[in-house]
Amino acid sequence: MTKRERMLHAMHNEPVDHVPVGFWFHFDREHSEGEANVKAHLDFYRQTDLDFVKIMCDGFFAYPVARDIVERRAWDEIRPLSADDPWIRGQVERAKAIVEAIGGERCVFYNVFQPFSSFRFSLEPYGQSSPEATRYLKEDPIGVMRAMDAIAQSNALLTELLIREAGCDGVYYCVQGGEYDRFTEREYRTWIAPSDLYVLEHANRFSENNILHMCGWGGNRNRLELWKDYPARTMNWAVFVEGLDLIEGRSFFGGKSCMGGFETHWDGNGHRGVIYDGTKDEVRAYTRDLILDHGKRGLILGGDCTVDAKLDWERMRWVVEAARSL
């Protein structure tokens, strides 16, 4: 079974020869854009022999919003982008180059953020999450929702071009903002879910192989019930942050294929988990136990989120080797 076949079978709850494995991380500024970024992705995936590629959107976190719009809080001036806008075109060209180089070997997915996250990132420089976004939304829900609708149109167009033009197998769609102390369930479903679903349902028009990532960034628990019925093929959540293991999660998410199992989040003092501090034997044993406990069908091993860019790639190869031993 090829890596492509293995991944697609796993996503569709079909039999596999081995459980597929995938990890990813944010590249540093030197490798975050252009040809350097493409090469960095290819080097990483070829050297680790992972079963699928998840392309990071480094350098494109922030939606392009003029500073004066933020200063004036003129949210109605935020507009959808055209297909030839550099923010969209740069991501599509990155994905296309990676797909052309490695897509015949394994599935390729591109990271796309929900509109609320894109809005948050637009308020601060390069990928920093602004705490002001939540306050702005609560103070002016109609105005910010209008802005998120415009961003949703752009993100939806991006998903379409990533799949149809660049050749990605699907998108890795990241949702955030579900922390218990950020919004009530009603607020999230009213203010944020509509733009979430607009993008995800648009992506589903062009691929049936989209992954939903429920981000546990910062180690904060989320109201997973907000996202449990979102229409994605595979579900990826922070197993350790949420206290919901892969077996329980499979039931919680209605039998959908599940991705994860390895703790990767930052706890304030550093990254933790067996992938960081376990011996080779411990990593291999942990991997095998995950597979034997869950079963090989409908399982994709990976991180709760991104791994530390400084992690020794050999540690990820230990997981691959262990998975392919069963």
Protein backbone atom coordinates (compact mmCIF):
# COMPACT_ATOMS: atom_id res chain seq x y z
CA MET A 1 0.00 0.00 0.00
CA THR A 2 1.42 3.41 -0.96
CA LYS A 3 1.51 6.34 1.46
CA ARG A 4 -1.33 7.98 -0.47
CA GLU A 5 -3.48 4.87 -0.32
CA ARG A 6 -2.69 4.36 3.36
CA MET A 7 -3.73 7.89 4.30
CA LEU A 8 -6.92 7.93 2.24
CA HIS A 9 -7.96 4.51 3.54
CA ALA A 10 -7.39 5.68 7.11
CA MET A 11 -9.39 8.87 6.58
CA HIS A 12 -12.30 6.84 5.19
CA ASN A 13 -12.26 4.20 7.94
CA GLU A 14 -11.07 1.55 5.51
CA PRO A 15 -8.46 -1.19 6.16
CA VAL A 16 -4.79 -0.18 6.07
CA ASP A 17 -1.54 -2.10 6.05
CA HIS A 18 -0.07 0.26 8.68
CA VAL A 19 -1.40 3.25 10.59
CA PRO A 20 -0.23 6.47 8.85
CA VAL A 21 1.88 8.98 10.76
CA GLY A 22 2.29 12.74 10.31
CA PHE A 23 3.86 15.62 12.24
CA TRP A 24 4.45 19.27 11.35
CA PHE A 25 5.95 22.45 12.78
CA HIS A 26 6.32 26.17 12.10
CA PHE A 27 9.42 27.04 10.11
CA ASP A 28 11.64 29.90 11.25
CA ARG A 29 11.63 33.24 9.45
CA GLU A 30 14.55 32.24 7.28
CA HIS A 31 12.49 29.36 5.87
CA SER A 32 9.00 30.84 6.11
CA GLU A 33 8.58 32.16 2.58
CA GLY A 34 9.32 31.48 -1.08
CA GLU A 35 11.58 28.76 -2.38
CA ALA A 36 13.25 28.39 1.00
CA ASN A 37 9.93 27.38 2.51
CA VAL A 38 9.16 24.89 -0.26
CA LYS A 39 12.59 23.30 0.11
CA ALA A 40 12.24 23.17 3.91
CA HIS A 41 8.94 21.30 3.63
CA LEU A 42 10.33 18.83 1.11
CA ASP A 43 13.50 18.17 3.11
CA PHE A 44 11.52 17.56 6.27
CA TYR A 45 9.01 15.13 4.80
CA ARG A 46 11.52 13.21 2.71
CA GLN A 47 13.94 12.78 5.59
CA THR A 48 11.31 11.73 8.12
CA ASP A 49 9.42 9.45 5.67
CA LEU A 50 6.08 10.61 7.13
CA ASP A 51 2.94 9.37 5.42
CA PHE A 52 1.41 12.72 4.48
CA VAL A 53 2.35 16.39 4.15
CA LYS A 54 0.73 19.17 6.11
CA ILE A 55 1.86 22.51 4.67
CA MET A 56 2.15 25.33 7.17
CA CYS A 57 0.88 28.79 6.26
CA ASP A 58 3.88 30.51 7.84
CA GLY A 59 4.20 34.07 6.61
CA PHE A 60 0.47 34.26 5.86
CA PHE A 61 -1.11 34.18 9.32
CA ALA A 62 -2.31 37.76 9.31
CA TYR A 63 -5.14 38.68 6.96
CA PRO A 64 -4.05 41.84 5.08
CA VAL A 65 -5.76 44.67 6.93
CA ALA A 66 -4.53 48.27 6.86
CA ARG A 67 -3.40 49.56 10.25
CA ASP A 68 -5.68 52.58 10.05
CA ILE A 69 -8.70 50.28 9.73
CA VAL A 70 -7.78 48.67 13.02
CA GLU A 71 -7.12 52.02 14.67
CA ARG A 72 -10.50 53.34 13.55
CA ARG A 73 -12.19 49.96 14.10
CA ALA A 74 -13.71 50.42 10.66
CA TRP A 75 -14.49 46.73 10.28
CA ASP A 76 -16.85 47.30 7.35
CA GLU A 77 -13.83 48.37 5.28
CA ILE A 78 -12.33 44.88 5.43
CA ARG A 79 -13.00 43.37 2.02
CA PRO A 80 -12.75 39.95 0.35
CA LEU A 81 -9.58 39.36 -1.64
CA SER A 82 -9.35 38.47 -5.31
CA ALA A 83 -7.69 35.31 -6.60
CA ASP A 84 -4.63 37.28 -7.73
CA ASP A 85 -4.07 39.00 -4.38
CA PRO A 86 -0.53 38.25 -3.11
CA TRP A 87 -1.93 36.82 0.15
CA ILE A 88 -3.85 34.16 -1.76
CA ARG A 89 -1.52 33.76 -4.72
CA GLY A 90 1.55 33.27 -2.53
CA GLN A 91 -0.08 30.41 -0.63
CA VAL A 92 -1.40 28.72 -3.75
CA GLU A 93 1.99 28.89 -5.45
CA ARG A 94 3.69 27.46 -2.35
CA ALA A 95 1.26 24.57 -2.22
CA LYS A 96 1.48 23.92 -5.95
CA ALA A 97 5.28 23.66 -5.85
CA ILE A 98 5.15 21.19 -2.97
CA VAL A 99 2.39 19.10 -4.54
CA GLU A 100 4.25 18.92 -7.84
CA ALA A 101 7.37 17.71 -6.05
CA ILE A 102 5.91 15.23 -3.60
CA GLY A 103 2.14 14.92 -4.11
CA GLY A 104 2.45 11.80 -6.22
CA GLU A 105 3.97 9.99 -3.26
CA ARG A 106 1.66 11.05 -0.45
CA CYS A 107 -1.37 13.21 0.33
CA VAL A 108 -0.83 16.94 0.81
CA PHE A 109 -2.98 19.17 3.02
CA TYR A 110 -2.67 22.91 3.55
CA ASN A 111 -3.28 24.72 6.83
CA VAL A 112 -6.20 27.19 6.64
CA PHE A 113 -7.38 29.15 9.65
CA GLN A 114 -10.99 29.97 10.49
CA PRO A 115 -11.97 33.62 9.83
CA PHE A 116 -11.94 34.54 13.54
CA SER A 117 -8.30 33.45 13.82
CA SER A 118 -7.39 35.28 10.61
CA PHE A 119 -9.01 38.37 12.10
CA ARG A 120 -7.08 37.98 15.37
CA PHE A 121 -3.78 37.60 13.56
CA SER A 122 -4.48 40.71 11.48
CA LEU A 123 -4.43 42.85 14.62
CA GLU A 124 -0.81 42.09 15.53
CA PRO A 125 2.44 41.53 13.61
CA TYR A 126 3.29 38.12 12.14
CA GLY A 127 1.19 35.46 13.72
CA GLN A 128 0.74 36.93 17.18
CA SER A 129 -2.74 36.47 18.58
CA SER A 130 -4.28 39.72 19.76
CA PRO A 131 -6.40 39.59 22.94
CA GLU A 132 -8.25 42.62 21.60
CA ALA A 133 -10.10 40.55 18.99
CA THR A 134 -12.40 38.97 21.56
CA ARG A 135 -13.20 42.35 23.09
CA TYR A 136 -13.85 43.91 19.69
CA LEU A 137 -16.26 41.12 18.81
CA LYS A 138 -18.16 41.48 22.08
CA GLU A 139 -18.33 45.27 21.76
CA ASP A 140 -19.41 45.30 18.12
CA PRO A 141 -20.58 41.84 17.06
CA ILE A 142 -22.30 43.01 13.90
CA GLY A 143 -19.31 44.99 12.69
CA VAL A 144 -16.76 42.26 13.41
CA MET A 145 -19.04 39.56 12.00
CA ARG A 146 -19.24 41.60 8.79
CA ALA A 147 -15.43 41.63 8.68
CA MET A 148 -15.28 37.89 9.34
CA ASP A 149 -17.77 37.32 6.53
CA ALA A 150 -15.39 39.13 4.15
CA ILE A 151 -12.46 37.10 5.46
CA ALA A 152 -14.54 33.92 5.11
CA GLN A 153 -15.06 34.62 1.42
CA SER A 154 -11.29 34.98 0.99
CA ASN A 155 -10.48 31.87 3.02
CA ALA A 156 -13.10 29.90 1.10
CA LEU A 157 -11.60 31.03 -2.20
CA LEU A 158 -8.19 30.03 -0.87
CA THR A 159 -9.40 26.51 -0.05
CA GLU A 160 -10.89 26.17 -3.53
CA LEU A 161 -7.69 27.25 -5.28
CA LEU A 162 -5.51 25.12 -3.02
CA ILE A 163 -7.50 22.05 -4.03
CA ARG A 164 -8.41 22.78 -7.65
CA GLU A 165 -5.33 24.67 -8.82
CA ALA A 166 -2.51 23.67 -6.49
CA GLY A 167 -3.65 20.05 -6.30
CA CYS A 168 -3.88 19.62 -2.53
CA ASP A 169 -5.90 16.62 -1.40
CA GLY A 170 -7.74 18.79 1.10
CA VAL A 171 -7.22 21.40 3.79
CA TYR A 172 -6.28 21.15 7.44
CA TYR A 173 -8.86 23.55 8.82
CA CYS A 174 -7.95 25.10 12.15
CA VAL A 175 -10.66 26.37 14.50
CA GLN A 176 -9.93 28.24 17.72
CA GLY A 177 -11.70 30.45 20.24
CA GLY A 178 -13.69 27.70 21.94
CA GLU A 179 -12.11 28.16 25.37
CA TYR A 180 -14.56 28.10 28.26
CA ASP A 181 -13.57 31.59 29.43
CA ARG A 182 -13.61 33.30 26.02
CA PHE A 183 -17.20 33.00 24.76
CA THR A 184 -20.38 31.34 25.94
CA GLU A 185 -21.63 28.50 23.79
CA ARG A 186 -24.41 30.74 22.49
CA GLU A 187 -21.98 33.54 21.62
CA TYR A 188 -19.70 31.21 19.70
CA ARG A 189 -22.51 29.58 17.77
CA THR A 190 -24.02 32.98 16.94
CA TRP A 191 -20.92 35.03 16.17
CA ILE A 192 -18.24 32.63 14.95
CA ALA A 193 -19.72 29.32 13.79
CA PRO A 194 -21.39 30.80 10.66
CA SER A 195 -18.08 31.96 9.18
CA ASP A 196 -16.39 28.71 10.31
CA LEU A 197 -18.90 26.65 8.42
CA TYR A 198 -18.94 28.87 5.36
CA VAL A 199 -15.27 28.10 4.72
CA LEU A 200 -15.39 24.42 5.65
CA GLU A 201 -18.50 23.68 3.62
CA HIS A 202 -16.96 25.46 0.64
CA ALA A 203 -13.84 23.31 0.95
CA ASN A 204 -16.06 20.24 1.02
CA ARG A 205 -17.40 21.16 -2.41
CA PHE A 206 -13.97 20.48 -3.88
CA SER A 207 -12.61 17.70 -1.68
CA GLU A 208 -14.11 15.08 0.58
CA ASN A 209 -10.81 14.75 2.43
CA ASN A 210 -10.64 17.73 4.76
CA ILE A 211 -9.26 17.60 8.31
CA LEU A 212 -10.65 19.61 11.23
CA HIS A 213 -8.07 20.73 13.80
CA MET A 214 -9.58 21.87 17.11
CA CYS A 215 -6.65 23.83 18.48
CA GLY A 216 -5.74 23.56 22.16
CA TRP A 217 -3.14 26.33 21.88
CA GLY A 218 -1.80 27.62 25.17
CA GLY A 219 -2.99 24.47 26.93
CA ASN A 220 -6.53 25.86 27.38
CA ARG A 221 -9.48 23.48 27.20
CA ASN A 222 -12.21 24.07 24.62
CA ARG A 223 -15.92 23.40 24.38
CA LEU A 224 -15.45 20.53 21.93
CA GLU A 225 -19.21 20.19 21.56
CA LEU A 226 -19.07 23.39 19.48
CA TRP A 227 -17.21 21.53 16.76
CA LYS A 228 -18.23 17.89 17.10
CA ASP A 229 -20.71 18.10 14.21
CA TYR A 230 -18.59 20.20 11.86
CA PRO A 231 -18.53 18.46 8.46
CA ALA A 232 -14.94 17.20 8.14
CA ARG A 233 -13.60 13.79 7.20
CA THR A 234 -11.01 13.51 9.99
CA MET A 235 -10.95 15.06 13.46
CA ASN A 236 -7.79 16.27 15.22
CA TRP A 237 -7.95 17.65 18.75
CA ALA A 238 -5.62 18.19 21.72
CA VAL A 239 -5.98 14.79 23.38
CA PHE A 240 -4.07 15.75 26.52
CA VAL A 241 -5.37 19.30 26.89
CA GLU A 242 -8.99 18.23 26.48
CA GLY A 243 -8.71 15.00 28.48
CA LEU A 244 -10.34 13.09 25.63
CA ASP A 245 -8.30 10.17 24.34
CA LEU A 246 -8.44 8.72 20.84
CA ILE A 247 -10.83 5.92 21.74
CA GLU A 248 -13.28 8.20 23.55
CA GLY A 249 -12.90 10.79 20.80
CA ARG A 250 -13.83 8.31 18.11
CA SER A 251 -17.17 7.82 19.85
CA PHE A 252 -17.60 11.52 20.68
CA PHE A 253 -17.12 12.49 17.03
CA GLY A 254 -19.57 9.91 15.72
CA GLY A 255 -17.11 7.29 14.50
CA LYS A 256 -15.13 9.60 12.24
CA SER A 257 -11.45 8.90 11.64
CA CYS A 258 -9.23 10.51 14.26
CA MET A 259 -5.76 12.03 14.16
CA GLY A 260 -3.37 12.70 17.03
CA GLY A 261 -2.32 10.92 20.17
CA PHE A 262 0.98 12.69 20.90
CA GLU A 263 1.18 15.53 23.40
CA THR A 264 2.88 18.55 21.83
CA HIS A 265 1.60 21.69 23.55
CA TRP A 266 3.63 24.27 25.45
CA ASP A 267 2.86 24.33 29.19
CA GLY A 268 4.66 27.59 30.03
CA ASN A 269 7.97 25.97 30.84
CA GLY A 270 8.53 24.02 27.65
CA HIS A 271 7.06 21.35 25.45
CA ARG A 272 6.27 18.08 27.12
CA GLY A 273 5.28 14.56 26.18
CA VAL A 274 6.90 11.29 25.21
CA ILE A 275 7.81 12.61 21.76
CA TYR A 276 10.13 15.11 23.50
CA ASP A 277 11.54 13.27 26.49
CA GLY A 278 10.93 9.56 25.94
CA THR A 279 13.68 7.11 25.08
CA LYS A 280 13.54 5.33 21.74
CA ASP A 281 12.04 2.27 23.39
CA GLU A 282 9.47 4.39 25.24
CA VAL A 283 8.40 6.22 22.07
CA ARG A 284 8.09 2.97 20.16
CA ALA A 285 6.16 1.29 22.98
CA TYR A 286 3.82 4.27 23.32
CA THR A 287 3.15 4.24 19.57
CA ARG A 288 2.39 0.54 19.51
CA ASP A 289 0.08 0.85 22.53
CA LEU A 290 -1.89 3.64 20.82
CA ILE A 291 -2.46 1.41 17.81
CA LEU A 292 -3.24 -1.76 19.76
CA ASP A 293 -5.66 0.05 22.08
CA HIS A 294 -7.51 1.87 19.29
CA GLY A 295 -7.19 -0.56 16.40
CA LYS A 296 -5.69 0.19 13.02
CA ARG A 297 -8.86 1.31 11.26
CA GLY A 298 -9.73 5.01 11.23
CA LEU A 299 -6.56 6.08 13.05
CA ILE A 300 -3.85 8.56 12.01
CA LEU A 301 -1.02 9.19 14.46
CA GLY A 302 0.33 12.69 14.94
CA GLY A 303 0.54 15.60 17.32
CA ASP A 304 -2.13 17.39 19.28
CA CYS A 305 -0.79 20.41 17.40
CA THR A 306 2.55 21.52 15.95
CA VAL A 307 5.73 20.06 17.38
CA ASP A 308 8.63 22.25 18.47
CA ALA A 309 10.73 23.16 15.43
CA LYS A 310 13.81 22.16 17.42
CA LEU A 311 12.62 18.58 17.92
CA ASP A 312 15.09 16.03 16.60
CA TRP A 313 13.55 14.54 13.44
CA GLU A 314 14.85 11.14 14.46
CA ARG A 315 12.19 11.04 17.18
CA MET A 316 9.44 11.24 14.56
CA ARG A 317 11.08 8.45 12.60
CA TRP A 318 10.82 6.28 15.74
CA VAL A 319 7.04 6.70 15.58
CA VAL A 320 6.99 5.84 11.88
CA GLU A 321 9.10 2.73 12.46
CA ALA A 322 6.89 1.57 15.33
CA ALA A 323 3.68 2.12 13.34
CA ARG A 324 5.02 0.13 10.41
CA SER A 325 5.98 -2.75 12.69
CA LEU A 326 2.27 -3.56 13.21
